[in-house]
N, C-alpha and C. Protein backbone atom coordinates (compact mmCIF):
# COMPACT_ATOMS: atom_id res chain seq x y z
N MET A 1 14.59 -72.47 1.14
CA MET A 1 14.38 -73.77 0.51
C MET A 1 15.42 -74.00 -0.59
N PHE A 2 15.95 -75.20 -0.64
CA PHE A 2 16.95 -75.55 -1.66
C PHE A 2 16.25 -76.27 -2.81
N LEU A 3 16.32 -75.69 -3.99
CA LEU A 3 15.65 -76.26 -5.17
C LEU A 3 16.68 -76.59 -6.24
N THR A 4 16.55 -77.77 -6.81
CA THR A 4 17.46 -78.17 -7.88
C THR A 4 16.71 -79.03 -8.89
N ASP A 5 17.22 -79.06 -10.10
CA ASP A 5 16.73 -79.96 -11.14
C ASP A 5 17.96 -80.58 -11.79
N ASP A 6 18.05 -81.89 -11.73
CA ASP A 6 19.25 -82.57 -12.21
C ASP A 6 18.96 -83.48 -13.41
N HIS A 7 17.90 -83.17 -14.14
CA HIS A 7 17.61 -83.91 -15.39
C HIS A 7 17.09 -82.90 -16.40
N LEU A 8 18.03 -82.30 -17.13
CA LEU A 8 17.71 -81.23 -18.07
C LEU A 8 18.43 -81.47 -19.39
N HIS A 9 17.71 -81.30 -20.50
CA HIS A 9 18.29 -81.47 -21.82
C HIS A 9 18.27 -80.14 -22.58
N THR A 10 19.26 -79.97 -23.43
CA THR A 10 19.38 -78.78 -24.26
C THR A 10 19.42 -79.19 -25.73
N ARG A 11 19.73 -78.26 -26.59
CA ARG A 11 19.80 -78.54 -28.02
C ARG A 11 20.86 -79.58 -28.37
N PHE A 12 21.75 -79.88 -27.43
CA PHE A 12 22.75 -80.91 -27.69
C PHE A 12 22.14 -82.31 -27.69
N SER A 13 20.95 -82.45 -27.14
CA SER A 13 20.24 -83.74 -27.14
C SER A 13 19.24 -83.79 -28.29
N PHE A 14 18.99 -85.00 -28.77
CA PHE A 14 18.02 -85.16 -29.87
C PHE A 14 16.63 -84.69 -29.47
N ASP A 15 16.31 -84.74 -28.17
CA ASP A 15 14.98 -84.36 -27.71
C ASP A 15 14.96 -82.98 -27.06
N GLY A 16 16.04 -82.20 -27.24
CA GLY A 16 16.09 -80.87 -26.64
C GLY A 16 16.11 -79.78 -27.69
N LYS A 17 15.57 -78.64 -27.35
CA LYS A 17 15.53 -77.50 -28.28
C LYS A 17 16.18 -76.24 -27.69
N ALA A 18 16.20 -76.14 -26.37
CA ALA A 18 16.64 -74.90 -25.73
C ALA A 18 18.14 -74.73 -25.79
N GLU A 19 18.56 -73.48 -25.92
CA GLU A 19 19.97 -73.16 -25.74
C GLU A 19 20.33 -73.39 -24.27
N PRO A 20 21.55 -73.83 -23.98
CA PRO A 20 21.94 -74.03 -22.59
C PRO A 20 21.73 -72.80 -21.72
N GLU A 21 22.01 -71.61 -22.27
CA GLU A 21 21.80 -70.38 -21.50
C GLU A 21 20.32 -70.18 -21.16
N GLU A 22 19.44 -70.58 -22.06
CA GLU A 22 18.00 -70.46 -21.78
C GLU A 22 17.59 -71.33 -20.61
N VAL A 23 18.18 -72.53 -20.52
CA VAL A 23 17.89 -73.42 -19.40
C VAL A 23 18.36 -72.78 -18.09
N CYS A 24 19.54 -72.21 -18.12
CA CYS A 24 20.06 -71.57 -16.91
C CYS A 24 19.21 -70.36 -16.50
N GLU A 25 18.81 -69.56 -17.46
CA GLU A 25 17.99 -68.39 -17.15
C GLU A 25 16.63 -68.80 -16.59
N GLN A 26 16.05 -69.87 -17.13
CA GLN A 26 14.78 -70.35 -16.60
C GLN A 26 14.95 -70.87 -15.18
N ALA A 27 16.06 -71.53 -14.92
CA ALA A 27 16.33 -72.01 -13.56
C ALA A 27 16.40 -70.85 -12.57
N LEU A 28 17.07 -69.78 -12.98
CA LEU A 28 17.15 -68.60 -12.12
C LEU A 28 15.76 -67.99 -11.90
N LYS A 29 15.00 -67.93 -12.97
CA LYS A 29 13.65 -67.36 -12.88
C LYS A 29 12.77 -68.15 -11.91
N LEU A 30 12.99 -69.47 -11.86
CA LEU A 30 12.19 -70.34 -11.00
C LEU A 30 12.75 -70.44 -9.58
N GLY A 31 13.88 -69.79 -9.34
CA GLY A 31 14.43 -69.77 -7.99
C GLY A 31 15.25 -71.00 -7.63
N LEU A 32 15.78 -71.70 -8.62
CA LEU A 32 16.59 -72.87 -8.33
C LEU A 32 17.97 -72.46 -7.82
N SER A 33 18.55 -73.31 -6.98
CA SER A 33 19.87 -73.05 -6.42
C SER A 33 20.97 -73.65 -7.28
N GLU A 34 20.68 -74.80 -7.90
CA GLU A 34 21.66 -75.43 -8.77
C GLU A 34 20.95 -76.33 -9.76
N ILE A 35 21.65 -76.66 -10.84
CA ILE A 35 21.12 -77.58 -11.84
C ILE A 35 22.26 -78.47 -12.34
N ALA A 36 21.87 -79.58 -12.92
CA ALA A 36 22.79 -80.41 -13.71
C ALA A 36 22.17 -80.55 -15.09
N ILE A 37 22.89 -80.11 -16.09
CA ILE A 37 22.44 -80.30 -17.47
C ILE A 37 22.91 -81.68 -17.91
N THR A 38 21.96 -82.53 -18.25
CA THR A 38 22.26 -83.94 -18.48
C THR A 38 21.81 -84.35 -19.88
N ASP A 39 22.50 -83.83 -20.88
CA ASP A 39 22.17 -84.20 -22.25
C ASP A 39 22.45 -85.69 -22.47
N HIS A 40 21.85 -86.21 -23.53
CA HIS A 40 21.90 -87.65 -23.78
C HIS A 40 23.25 -88.12 -24.31
N MET A 41 23.71 -89.23 -23.74
CA MET A 41 24.77 -90.03 -24.36
C MET A 41 24.26 -91.48 -24.34
N ASP A 42 23.47 -91.81 -25.34
CA ASP A 42 22.99 -93.18 -25.46
C ASP A 42 24.04 -94.02 -26.16
N ILE A 43 24.33 -95.17 -25.56
CA ILE A 43 25.35 -96.07 -26.07
C ILE A 43 24.69 -97.12 -26.97
N TYR A 44 25.28 -97.33 -28.14
CA TYR A 44 24.78 -98.32 -29.09
C TYR A 44 25.83 -99.39 -29.33
N SER A 45 25.37 -100.54 -29.78
CA SER A 45 26.29 -101.67 -29.98
C SER A 45 27.24 -101.44 -31.14
N ASN A 46 26.80 -100.67 -32.13
CA ASN A 46 27.58 -100.57 -33.38
C ASN A 46 27.91 -99.14 -33.78
N LYS A 47 27.87 -98.22 -32.81
CA LYS A 47 28.15 -96.82 -33.12
C LYS A 47 29.15 -96.26 -32.12
N PRO A 48 30.08 -95.43 -32.56
CA PRO A 48 30.96 -94.75 -31.60
C PRO A 48 30.19 -93.69 -30.82
N TYR A 49 30.65 -93.42 -29.60
CA TYR A 49 29.90 -92.47 -28.77
C TYR A 49 29.77 -91.10 -29.42
N GLY A 50 30.75 -90.72 -30.22
CA GLY A 50 30.70 -89.41 -30.86
C GLY A 50 29.59 -89.26 -31.88
N HIS A 51 28.95 -90.38 -32.24
CA HIS A 51 27.83 -90.32 -33.18
C HIS A 51 26.61 -89.68 -32.52
N ILE A 52 26.54 -89.75 -31.20
CA ILE A 52 25.34 -89.34 -30.48
C ILE A 52 25.37 -87.86 -30.11
N LEU A 53 26.56 -87.34 -29.83
CA LEU A 53 26.69 -86.01 -29.25
C LEU A 53 27.92 -85.33 -29.81
N ASP A 54 27.79 -84.04 -30.11
CA ASP A 54 28.95 -83.25 -30.52
C ASP A 54 29.76 -82.96 -29.26
N CYS A 55 30.56 -83.92 -28.86
CA CYS A 55 31.19 -83.87 -27.54
C CYS A 55 32.09 -82.65 -27.33
N PRO A 56 32.97 -82.31 -28.26
CA PRO A 56 33.83 -81.13 -28.00
C PRO A 56 33.03 -79.85 -27.79
N ALA A 57 32.04 -79.61 -28.64
CA ALA A 57 31.25 -78.38 -28.51
C ALA A 57 30.41 -78.42 -27.23
N TRP A 58 29.82 -79.56 -26.96
CA TRP A 58 29.01 -79.71 -25.74
C TRP A 58 29.84 -79.47 -24.49
N TYR A 59 31.01 -80.09 -24.41
CA TYR A 59 31.81 -80.01 -23.20
C TYR A 59 32.34 -78.59 -23.00
N GLU A 60 32.76 -77.96 -24.06
CA GLU A 60 33.23 -76.58 -23.96
C GLU A 60 32.13 -75.66 -23.45
N LYS A 61 30.93 -75.84 -23.98
CA LYS A 61 29.80 -75.01 -23.54
C LYS A 61 29.48 -75.26 -22.07
N MET A 62 29.47 -76.51 -21.65
CA MET A 62 29.15 -76.81 -20.25
C MET A 62 30.17 -76.18 -19.30
N GLN A 63 31.44 -76.22 -19.66
CA GLN A 63 32.46 -75.62 -18.80
C GLN A 63 32.31 -74.10 -18.74
N SER A 64 31.96 -73.50 -19.86
CA SER A 64 31.82 -72.04 -19.88
C SER A 64 30.62 -71.58 -19.05
N LEU A 65 29.57 -72.41 -18.98
CA LEU A 65 28.39 -72.04 -18.19
C LEU A 65 28.73 -71.92 -16.71
N LYS A 66 29.63 -72.76 -16.24
CA LYS A 66 30.00 -72.71 -14.83
C LYS A 66 30.55 -71.33 -14.46
N GLU A 67 31.37 -70.79 -15.35
CA GLU A 67 31.95 -69.47 -15.09
C GLU A 67 30.93 -68.36 -15.32
N GLN A 68 30.13 -68.52 -16.36
CA GLN A 68 29.16 -67.49 -16.72
C GLN A 68 28.16 -67.26 -15.58
N TYR A 69 27.78 -68.35 -14.88
CA TYR A 69 26.74 -68.23 -13.85
C TYR A 69 27.30 -68.34 -12.43
N ARG A 70 28.61 -68.30 -12.30
CA ARG A 70 29.22 -68.41 -10.98
C ARG A 70 28.68 -67.33 -10.05
N GLY A 71 28.29 -67.73 -8.85
CA GLY A 71 27.75 -66.81 -7.86
C GLY A 71 26.26 -66.60 -7.97
N ARG A 72 25.66 -67.05 -9.09
CA ARG A 72 24.21 -66.91 -9.26
C ARG A 72 23.51 -68.26 -9.33
N LEU A 73 24.16 -69.22 -9.97
CA LEU A 73 23.56 -70.53 -10.16
C LEU A 73 24.69 -71.55 -10.29
N LEU A 74 24.64 -72.60 -9.49
CA LEU A 74 25.64 -73.66 -9.59
C LEU A 74 25.23 -74.58 -10.74
N VAL A 75 26.07 -74.67 -11.75
CA VAL A 75 25.76 -75.45 -12.95
C VAL A 75 26.72 -76.63 -13.03
N HIS A 76 26.17 -77.83 -12.94
CA HIS A 76 26.98 -79.04 -13.03
C HIS A 76 26.94 -79.58 -14.46
N THR A 77 28.07 -80.10 -14.90
CA THR A 77 28.12 -80.81 -16.18
C THR A 77 27.67 -82.25 -15.94
N GLY A 78 26.51 -82.58 -16.44
CA GLY A 78 25.98 -83.93 -16.27
C GLY A 78 25.82 -84.63 -17.60
N ILE A 79 25.38 -85.86 -17.51
CA ILE A 79 25.10 -86.66 -18.71
C ILE A 79 24.04 -87.68 -18.36
N GLU A 80 23.15 -87.95 -19.29
CA GLU A 80 22.25 -89.09 -19.15
C GLU A 80 22.85 -90.21 -19.98
N LEU A 81 23.45 -91.16 -19.29
CA LEU A 81 24.19 -92.25 -19.92
C LEU A 81 23.26 -93.43 -20.11
N GLY A 82 22.89 -93.68 -21.37
CA GLY A 82 21.92 -94.72 -21.66
C GLY A 82 22.56 -96.07 -21.94
N GLN A 83 22.07 -97.10 -21.23
CA GLN A 83 22.46 -98.51 -21.40
C GLN A 83 23.95 -98.70 -21.69
N PRO A 84 24.81 -98.32 -20.75
CA PRO A 84 26.25 -98.44 -20.98
C PRO A 84 26.71 -99.87 -21.24
N GLN A 85 25.93 -100.85 -20.76
CA GLN A 85 26.34 -102.24 -20.93
C GLN A 85 26.27 -102.73 -22.37
N ILE A 86 25.60 -101.96 -23.25
CA ILE A 86 25.53 -102.39 -24.64
C ILE A 86 26.90 -102.34 -25.31
N ASN A 87 27.73 -101.38 -24.91
CA ASN A 87 29.06 -101.24 -25.50
C ASN A 87 30.01 -100.68 -24.45
N PRO A 88 30.51 -101.54 -23.56
CA PRO A 88 31.34 -101.05 -22.45
C PRO A 88 32.57 -100.28 -22.90
N GLY A 89 33.14 -100.65 -24.03
CA GLY A 89 34.34 -99.95 -24.51
C GLY A 89 34.06 -98.51 -24.84
N GLU A 90 32.96 -98.26 -25.54
CA GLU A 90 32.60 -96.88 -25.88
C GLU A 90 32.20 -96.09 -24.63
N THR A 91 31.55 -96.76 -23.71
CA THR A 91 31.20 -96.11 -22.44
C THR A 91 32.45 -95.64 -21.71
N LYS A 92 33.41 -96.52 -21.57
CA LYS A 92 34.65 -96.20 -20.87
C LYS A 92 35.40 -95.08 -21.59
N ALA A 93 35.46 -95.15 -22.91
CA ALA A 93 36.17 -94.13 -23.67
C ALA A 93 35.54 -92.76 -23.48
N PHE A 94 34.21 -92.69 -23.49
CA PHE A 94 33.54 -91.41 -23.31
C PHE A 94 33.82 -90.83 -21.94
N LEU A 95 33.66 -91.63 -20.89
CA LEU A 95 33.82 -91.11 -19.53
C LEU A 95 35.26 -90.72 -19.23
N GLU A 96 36.20 -91.38 -19.88
CA GLU A 96 37.60 -90.99 -19.70
C GLU A 96 37.92 -89.69 -20.45
N ALA A 97 37.31 -89.51 -21.60
CA ALA A 97 37.58 -88.31 -22.40
C ALA A 97 36.86 -87.08 -21.85
N TYR A 98 35.69 -87.29 -21.24
CA TYR A 98 34.86 -86.17 -20.81
C TYR A 98 34.38 -86.38 -19.37
N PRO A 99 35.20 -86.04 -18.39
CA PRO A 99 34.78 -86.18 -16.99
C PRO A 99 33.57 -85.30 -16.70
N VAL A 100 32.59 -85.86 -16.03
CA VAL A 100 31.37 -85.12 -15.71
C VAL A 100 31.14 -85.13 -14.21
N ASP A 101 30.27 -84.21 -13.77
CA ASP A 101 29.97 -84.08 -12.35
C ASP A 101 28.87 -85.01 -11.89
N PHE A 102 28.00 -85.39 -12.82
CA PHE A 102 26.76 -86.09 -12.42
C PHE A 102 26.30 -86.99 -13.56
N ILE A 103 26.00 -88.24 -13.23
CA ILE A 103 25.58 -89.21 -14.24
C ILE A 103 24.22 -89.79 -13.87
N ILE A 104 23.26 -89.65 -14.78
CA ILE A 104 22.01 -90.40 -14.69
C ILE A 104 22.21 -91.68 -15.50
N GLY A 105 22.14 -92.83 -14.85
CA GLY A 105 22.22 -94.10 -15.56
C GLY A 105 20.84 -94.55 -15.97
N SER A 106 20.60 -94.64 -17.26
CA SER A 106 19.26 -94.97 -17.77
C SER A 106 19.31 -96.17 -18.70
N VAL A 107 18.15 -96.79 -18.87
CA VAL A 107 17.99 -97.81 -19.91
C VAL A 107 16.86 -97.36 -20.82
N HIS A 108 17.24 -96.99 -22.04
CA HIS A 108 16.27 -96.63 -23.07
C HIS A 108 16.15 -97.74 -24.12
N ASN A 109 17.24 -98.44 -24.36
CA ASN A 109 17.30 -99.48 -25.39
C ASN A 109 17.73 -100.80 -24.74
N ILE A 110 17.28 -101.90 -25.34
CA ILE A 110 17.68 -103.21 -24.84
C ILE A 110 18.35 -103.99 -25.97
N GLU A 111 18.20 -105.31 -26.03
CA GLU A 111 18.90 -106.11 -27.02
C GLU A 111 18.70 -105.58 -28.43
N ASN A 112 19.78 -105.73 -29.22
CA ASN A 112 19.75 -105.30 -30.63
C ASN A 112 19.41 -103.81 -30.77
N ASP A 113 19.76 -103.04 -29.74
CA ASP A 113 19.52 -101.59 -29.73
C ASP A 113 18.03 -101.25 -29.87
N LEU A 114 17.16 -102.15 -29.45
CA LEU A 114 15.72 -101.91 -29.53
C LEU A 114 15.32 -100.81 -28.56
N ASP A 115 14.81 -99.72 -29.09
CA ASP A 115 14.36 -98.59 -28.28
C ASP A 115 13.00 -98.94 -27.68
N ILE A 116 12.90 -98.80 -26.36
CA ILE A 116 11.66 -99.14 -25.66
C ILE A 116 10.49 -98.32 -26.18
N TYR A 117 10.76 -97.15 -26.69
CA TYR A 117 9.71 -96.30 -27.27
C TYR A 117 8.99 -97.00 -28.41
N TYR A 118 9.71 -97.82 -29.18
CA TYR A 118 9.15 -98.42 -30.38
C TYR A 118 8.54 -99.80 -30.15
N CYS A 119 8.54 -100.30 -28.92
CA CYS A 119 7.94 -101.61 -28.66
C CYS A 119 6.44 -101.58 -28.89
N ASP A 120 5.91 -102.68 -29.37
CA ASP A 120 4.47 -102.82 -29.56
C ASP A 120 3.90 -103.49 -28.31
N TYR A 121 3.47 -102.67 -27.36
CA TYR A 121 3.04 -103.19 -26.07
C TYR A 121 1.70 -103.90 -26.13
N SER A 122 0.98 -103.72 -27.21
CA SER A 122 -0.30 -104.42 -27.34
C SER A 122 -0.10 -105.88 -27.73
N GLN A 123 1.12 -106.23 -28.15
CA GLN A 123 1.38 -107.57 -28.66
C GLN A 123 2.39 -108.34 -27.81
N MET A 124 2.55 -107.95 -26.55
CA MET A 124 3.57 -108.63 -25.75
C MET A 124 3.06 -108.96 -24.36
N ASP A 125 3.79 -109.84 -23.71
CA ASP A 125 3.54 -110.18 -22.32
C ASP A 125 4.19 -109.09 -21.47
N ILE A 126 3.38 -108.16 -20.99
CA ILE A 126 3.90 -106.99 -20.29
C ILE A 126 4.68 -107.40 -19.04
N GLN A 127 4.17 -108.37 -18.31
CA GLN A 127 4.84 -108.77 -17.07
C GLN A 127 6.23 -109.32 -17.35
N ALA A 128 6.35 -110.16 -18.37
CA ALA A 128 7.66 -110.72 -18.72
C ALA A 128 8.60 -109.63 -19.22
N PHE A 129 8.06 -108.71 -20.02
CA PHE A 129 8.89 -107.62 -20.54
C PHE A 129 9.41 -106.75 -19.41
N TYR A 130 8.53 -106.43 -18.45
CA TYR A 130 8.95 -105.53 -17.37
C TYR A 130 10.01 -106.19 -16.51
N ALA A 131 9.84 -107.47 -16.22
CA ALA A 131 10.84 -108.18 -15.44
C ALA A 131 12.20 -108.16 -16.15
N HIS A 132 12.16 -108.29 -17.47
CA HIS A 132 13.39 -108.26 -18.25
C HIS A 132 14.03 -106.87 -18.20
N TYR A 133 13.21 -105.85 -18.29
CA TYR A 133 13.70 -104.47 -18.20
C TYR A 133 14.40 -104.23 -16.86
N ILE A 134 13.82 -104.72 -15.78
CA ILE A 134 14.44 -104.54 -14.46
C ILE A 134 15.79 -105.24 -14.41
N GLN A 135 15.93 -106.36 -15.08
CA GLN A 135 17.23 -107.04 -15.14
C GLN A 135 18.27 -106.17 -15.83
N TRP A 136 17.88 -105.44 -16.84
CA TRP A 136 18.80 -104.49 -17.50
C TRP A 136 19.22 -103.40 -16.51
N LEU A 137 18.27 -102.91 -15.73
CA LEU A 137 18.62 -101.91 -14.72
C LEU A 137 19.58 -102.48 -13.69
N MET A 138 19.38 -103.74 -13.30
CA MET A 138 20.24 -104.37 -12.31
C MET A 138 21.67 -104.52 -12.85
N GLU A 139 21.80 -104.87 -14.12
CA GLU A 139 23.12 -104.98 -14.71
C GLU A 139 23.82 -103.63 -14.70
N LEU A 140 23.10 -102.58 -15.04
CA LEU A 140 23.67 -101.23 -15.00
C LEU A 140 24.07 -100.88 -13.57
N ALA A 141 23.16 -101.13 -12.62
CA ALA A 141 23.39 -100.75 -11.23
C ALA A 141 24.60 -101.45 -10.63
N LYS A 142 24.80 -102.70 -11.00
CA LYS A 142 25.90 -103.49 -10.43
C LYS A 142 27.25 -103.09 -10.99
N ASN A 143 27.32 -102.82 -12.29
CA ASN A 143 28.61 -102.86 -12.98
C ASN A 143 29.04 -101.56 -13.66
N TYR A 144 28.25 -100.50 -13.58
CA TYR A 144 28.60 -99.29 -14.33
C TYR A 144 28.52 -98.06 -13.44
N ASP A 145 29.06 -96.96 -13.96
CA ASP A 145 29.16 -95.74 -13.18
C ASP A 145 27.90 -94.90 -13.34
N TYR A 146 27.38 -94.41 -12.22
CA TYR A 146 26.20 -93.54 -12.23
C TYR A 146 26.09 -92.91 -10.85
N ASP A 147 25.34 -91.84 -10.76
CA ASP A 147 25.00 -91.23 -9.47
C ASP A 147 23.57 -91.58 -9.06
N VAL A 148 22.67 -91.53 -10.05
CA VAL A 148 21.30 -92.00 -9.82
C VAL A 148 20.88 -92.85 -11.01
N LEU A 149 19.99 -93.79 -10.75
CA LEU A 149 19.32 -94.51 -11.83
C LEU A 149 18.13 -93.67 -12.29
N GLY A 150 18.02 -93.48 -13.58
CA GLY A 150 16.96 -92.63 -14.13
C GLY A 150 15.67 -93.37 -14.37
N HIS A 151 14.57 -92.69 -14.14
CA HIS A 151 13.20 -93.15 -14.46
C HIS A 151 13.08 -94.68 -14.48
N VAL A 152 13.16 -95.29 -13.29
CA VAL A 152 13.25 -96.75 -13.20
C VAL A 152 11.97 -97.47 -13.65
N THR A 153 10.89 -96.72 -13.85
CA THR A 153 9.66 -97.32 -14.41
C THR A 153 9.38 -96.77 -15.80
N TYR A 154 10.43 -96.52 -16.54
CA TYR A 154 10.33 -95.90 -17.86
C TYR A 154 9.33 -96.57 -18.80
N PRO A 155 9.27 -97.91 -18.90
CA PRO A 155 8.30 -98.51 -19.82
C PRO A 155 6.86 -98.15 -19.51
N SER A 156 6.56 -97.84 -18.24
CA SER A 156 5.17 -97.53 -17.87
C SER A 156 4.62 -96.36 -18.67
N ARG A 157 5.50 -95.40 -18.98
CA ARG A 157 5.07 -94.22 -19.75
C ARG A 157 4.44 -94.65 -21.07
N TYR A 158 5.12 -95.53 -21.78
CA TYR A 158 4.67 -95.89 -23.12
C TYR A 158 3.60 -96.98 -23.09
N ILE A 159 3.65 -97.84 -22.09
CA ILE A 159 2.60 -98.83 -21.94
C ILE A 159 1.26 -98.13 -21.73
N PHE A 160 1.26 -97.09 -20.87
CA PHE A 160 0.02 -96.36 -20.62
C PHE A 160 -0.42 -95.57 -21.85
N GLU A 161 0.53 -94.91 -22.51
CA GLU A 161 0.19 -94.10 -23.68
C GLU A 161 -0.38 -94.96 -24.81
N ARG A 162 0.14 -96.19 -24.96
CA ARG A 162 -0.27 -97.04 -26.09
C ARG A 162 -1.48 -97.92 -25.77
N THR A 163 -1.62 -98.33 -24.50
CA THR A 163 -2.68 -99.29 -24.17
C THR A 163 -3.72 -98.75 -23.21
N GLY A 164 -3.42 -97.64 -22.53
CA GLY A 164 -4.34 -97.11 -21.53
C GLY A 164 -4.26 -97.83 -20.20
N ASN A 165 -3.35 -98.79 -20.08
CA ASN A 165 -3.22 -99.56 -18.85
C ASN A 165 -1.94 -99.18 -18.11
N LYS A 166 -2.02 -99.19 -16.78
CA LYS A 166 -0.85 -98.95 -15.95
C LYS A 166 -0.42 -100.28 -15.33
N PRO A 167 0.80 -100.72 -15.60
CA PRO A 167 1.25 -101.98 -15.00
C PRO A 167 1.20 -101.92 -13.47
N ASP A 168 0.86 -103.03 -12.85
CA ASP A 168 0.80 -103.12 -11.40
C ASP A 168 2.22 -103.35 -10.87
N MET A 169 2.80 -102.34 -10.27
CA MET A 169 4.17 -102.45 -9.80
C MET A 169 4.31 -103.40 -8.62
N ALA A 170 3.22 -103.68 -7.91
CA ALA A 170 3.29 -104.60 -6.78
C ALA A 170 3.78 -105.98 -7.22
N VAL A 171 3.51 -106.33 -8.48
CA VAL A 171 3.96 -107.61 -9.02
C VAL A 171 5.48 -107.70 -9.01
N PHE A 172 6.14 -106.55 -9.08
CA PHE A 172 7.60 -106.52 -9.24
C PHE A 172 8.32 -106.02 -7.99
N TYR A 173 7.64 -105.98 -6.85
CA TYR A 173 8.27 -105.46 -5.64
C TYR A 173 9.54 -106.22 -5.29
N GLU A 174 9.53 -107.52 -5.44
CA GLU A 174 10.71 -108.32 -5.09
C GLU A 174 11.90 -107.93 -5.97
N GLU A 175 11.64 -107.80 -7.28
CA GLU A 175 12.71 -107.41 -8.20
C GLU A 175 13.22 -106.00 -7.90
N PHE A 176 12.28 -105.08 -7.62
CA PHE A 176 12.70 -103.71 -7.32
C PHE A 176 13.46 -103.64 -6.00
N CYS A 177 13.08 -104.46 -5.02
CA CYS A 177 13.84 -104.49 -3.77
C CYS A 177 15.28 -104.91 -4.03
N SER A 178 15.47 -105.92 -4.87
CA SER A 178 16.83 -106.36 -5.21
C SER A 178 17.60 -105.24 -5.89
N LEU A 179 16.94 -104.54 -6.81
CA LEU A 179 17.57 -103.42 -7.50
C LEU A 179 17.94 -102.31 -6.52
N PHE A 180 17.00 -101.93 -5.68
CA PHE A 180 17.23 -100.82 -4.76
C PHE A 180 18.37 -101.13 -3.78
N LYS A 181 18.46 -102.38 -3.36
CA LYS A 181 19.52 -102.74 -2.41
C LYS A 181 20.90 -102.61 -3.05
N ILE A 182 20.99 -102.94 -4.34
CA ILE A 182 22.26 -102.75 -5.05
C ILE A 182 22.63 -101.27 -5.08
N VAL A 183 21.66 -100.44 -5.43
CA VAL A 183 21.88 -98.99 -5.51
C VAL A 183 22.31 -98.44 -4.15
N ILE A 184 21.61 -98.84 -3.10
CA ILE A 184 21.88 -98.32 -1.76
C ILE A 184 23.25 -98.78 -1.27
N GLU A 185 23.59 -100.03 -1.50
CA GLU A 185 24.88 -100.55 -1.06
C GLU A 185 26.04 -99.84 -1.74
N LYS A 186 25.81 -99.34 -2.97
CA LYS A 186 26.85 -98.60 -3.69
C LYS A 186 26.86 -97.12 -3.33
N GLY A 187 25.96 -96.70 -2.45
CA GLY A 187 25.91 -95.30 -2.05
C GLY A 187 25.34 -94.39 -3.13
N LYS A 188 24.53 -94.95 -4.01
CA LYS A 188 23.93 -94.18 -5.10
C LYS A 188 22.45 -93.93 -4.80
N GLY A 189 21.72 -93.42 -5.79
CA GLY A 189 20.31 -93.11 -5.57
C GLY A 189 19.47 -93.40 -6.79
N ILE A 190 18.18 -93.10 -6.67
CA ILE A 190 17.27 -93.20 -7.81
C ILE A 190 16.68 -91.82 -8.08
N GLU A 191 16.33 -91.61 -9.33
CA GLU A 191 15.73 -90.34 -9.73
C GLU A 191 14.23 -90.36 -9.48
N VAL A 192 13.70 -89.23 -9.02
CA VAL A 192 12.26 -88.99 -9.06
C VAL A 192 12.01 -88.12 -10.29
N ASN A 193 11.55 -88.75 -11.36
CA ASN A 193 11.37 -88.07 -12.64
C ASN A 193 9.93 -87.59 -12.75
N LEU A 194 9.77 -86.28 -12.82
CA LEU A 194 8.43 -85.69 -12.78
C LEU A 194 7.85 -85.38 -14.15
N SER A 195 8.52 -85.83 -15.21
CA SER A 195 8.05 -85.48 -16.55
C SER A 195 6.65 -86.01 -16.83
N GLY A 196 6.29 -87.11 -16.17
CA GLY A 196 4.95 -87.66 -16.39
C GLY A 196 3.83 -86.74 -15.97
N LEU A 197 4.13 -85.80 -15.06
CA LEU A 197 3.10 -84.86 -14.62
C LEU A 197 2.71 -83.90 -15.74
N ALA A 198 3.58 -83.77 -16.74
CA ALA A 198 3.29 -82.91 -17.89
C ALA A 198 2.81 -83.73 -19.09
N ARG A 199 2.72 -85.05 -18.91
CA ARG A 199 2.30 -85.92 -20.00
C ARG A 199 0.97 -86.56 -19.63
N ASN A 200 0.49 -87.40 -20.51
CA ASN A 200 -0.82 -88.01 -20.29
C ASN A 200 -0.87 -88.92 -19.07
N SER A 201 0.27 -89.49 -18.68
CA SER A 201 0.25 -90.44 -17.56
C SER A 201 -0.08 -89.76 -16.24
N GLY A 202 0.30 -88.50 -16.11
CA GLY A 202 -0.04 -87.75 -14.90
C GLY A 202 0.61 -88.27 -13.64
N ALA A 203 1.73 -88.99 -13.78
CA ALA A 203 2.36 -89.60 -12.61
C ALA A 203 3.88 -89.53 -12.75
N PRO A 204 4.59 -89.44 -11.64
CA PRO A 204 6.05 -89.45 -11.70
C PRO A 204 6.56 -90.86 -11.96
N MET A 205 7.85 -90.95 -12.25
CA MET A 205 8.52 -92.24 -12.39
C MET A 205 9.67 -92.28 -11.38
N PRO A 206 9.62 -93.15 -10.36
CA PRO A 206 8.54 -94.08 -10.06
C PRO A 206 7.43 -93.40 -9.27
N GLU A 207 6.31 -94.11 -9.16
CA GLU A 207 5.19 -93.58 -8.39
C GLU A 207 5.42 -93.80 -6.90
N ALA A 208 4.48 -93.30 -6.09
CA ALA A 208 4.68 -93.21 -4.65
C ALA A 208 4.93 -94.57 -4.00
N ASP A 209 4.29 -95.63 -4.49
CA ASP A 209 4.45 -96.92 -3.82
C ASP A 209 5.88 -97.42 -3.92
N LEU A 210 6.53 -97.20 -5.07
CA LEU A 210 7.92 -97.63 -5.22
C LEU A 210 8.88 -96.72 -4.46
N LEU A 211 8.53 -95.45 -4.33
CA LEU A 211 9.35 -94.56 -3.52
C LEU A 211 9.31 -94.99 -2.04
N LYS A 212 8.14 -95.42 -1.59
CA LYS A 212 8.02 -95.92 -0.23
C LYS A 212 8.82 -97.21 -0.06
N LEU A 213 8.78 -98.06 -1.07
CA LEU A 213 9.54 -99.30 -1.04
C LEU A 213 11.05 -99.00 -0.99
N TYR A 214 11.47 -98.03 -1.78
CA TYR A 214 12.88 -97.62 -1.78
C TYR A 214 13.28 -97.13 -0.38
N ARG A 215 12.42 -96.34 0.23
CA ARG A 215 12.68 -95.83 1.58
C ARG A 215 12.81 -96.99 2.58
N GLN A 216 11.94 -97.97 2.44
CA GLN A 216 11.98 -99.13 3.33
C GLN A 216 13.28 -99.93 3.17
N CYS A 217 13.80 -99.92 1.94
CA CYS A 217 15.06 -100.66 1.68
C CYS A 217 16.26 -99.95 2.28
């Protein structure tokens, strides 16, 4: 069986604590064949990309891991590239300076660098917000570089945690079909993000109905 995990963060990310070597050792312990370490590079409207990540140290470490684990574990240098459309110049500069093997294209922030984590979901029209979020994904999918789109139902995590409600994805099937067709026509993919299985939501992103819809597309 071929096992891989292509969404992994280390101490180089704001939400990571593990040393990169610890991630690799755990992958070996679990019997994985390869991994992509995809630390965060979130793009902001008013910050240079180097504000987010210690790029020289990160890149040097990622390259050294490939040699350190050669023959035991295939280690790809990845990145989780957040909302590149917010600042295309910084996005382009980063990708030119630091070539990577694998890109997760994600949307964590929207207009005015508003982090979806901090939205007050009890005070908004969830359906309108979600439709707007999908438009952000479509802009990323059409015009920017990525290998997979990350956690395409990302707001659902926080909507459920804050309100106890799970948005009905059937309402957005038409929008998701349009998104998926863009991804498929570009020869790219979507991520099956399993982090929700370890959180209160108890569900992957996206859930099974959207994975079936993606397959149909």
